[in-house]
Amino acid sequence: MSLDGLLLAAGAGTRMGRPKALVVGDDGVPWLHSTVATLQSGGCRRLTVVLGASAEEAAVLLAAAPMPHEDVHVVVAHEWAEGMGASLRTGLAAADPHADAVLVTLVDLPDVTSEVLRRVAASATGPAALARATYDGRPGHPVLIGRDHWEGVRQSATGDRGARDYLADHGAIEVECGDLASGRDVDTPTRTSGA
């Protein structure tokens, strides 16, 4: 099973006051760095990072990460202002066509650990796999999308809904992860510091 990672980090972070790709956590580590590290330790072999707002600044920040970069590829969602759908379409278009599946996560989920990613990834059975993490029954990320679904997701991903409708319509497996994390995105700067 060949599993790649897809990190969506393109939004402007209006409520945060800056793009979330530029946010530095309370631990002093940029979210971009920590999420890439989480994907790598979660079993993803190749990573695609989708940037948008302040893409050049975010790319510089990512390049400064203290980790191997040979398997981290950056792409820019030029239509990022449309919402998560544009980022997802861009990321899937850039994914390695030889991967069996991608594990999609967001940059603003600081408590989602590699253990969560591994649990969702364990549900993967091949290119037809489709699964998502849930937190006390609430759908969230990461989302596992097998290669057989990439084109369908790309065609249906619009606005800020991403793959939500596609996952529901195609019977995505729900993988409960509420015992490992809250899975909640952070939208305000009350718990974080700036870059």
Foldseek 3Di string as FASTA:
>chain_A
DAEAEEEEQADQLVQAVGGLLFFAFPVRHRLLLQVVVQRVLLPHDAYEYEYEVVLVVSVVSNVPHPDDCPRYHYDYQPVCVFAPLSRLLRRLVPDDLPGFKYWYAYSQQVQCGSVNSNQQVVQDDTQCAWAFEDAVNHTADGIIHGSVCSVVQNVPRGGHCRSVVVCVVSPHHYGYDNVRGRRDGDSYCPRTDGD
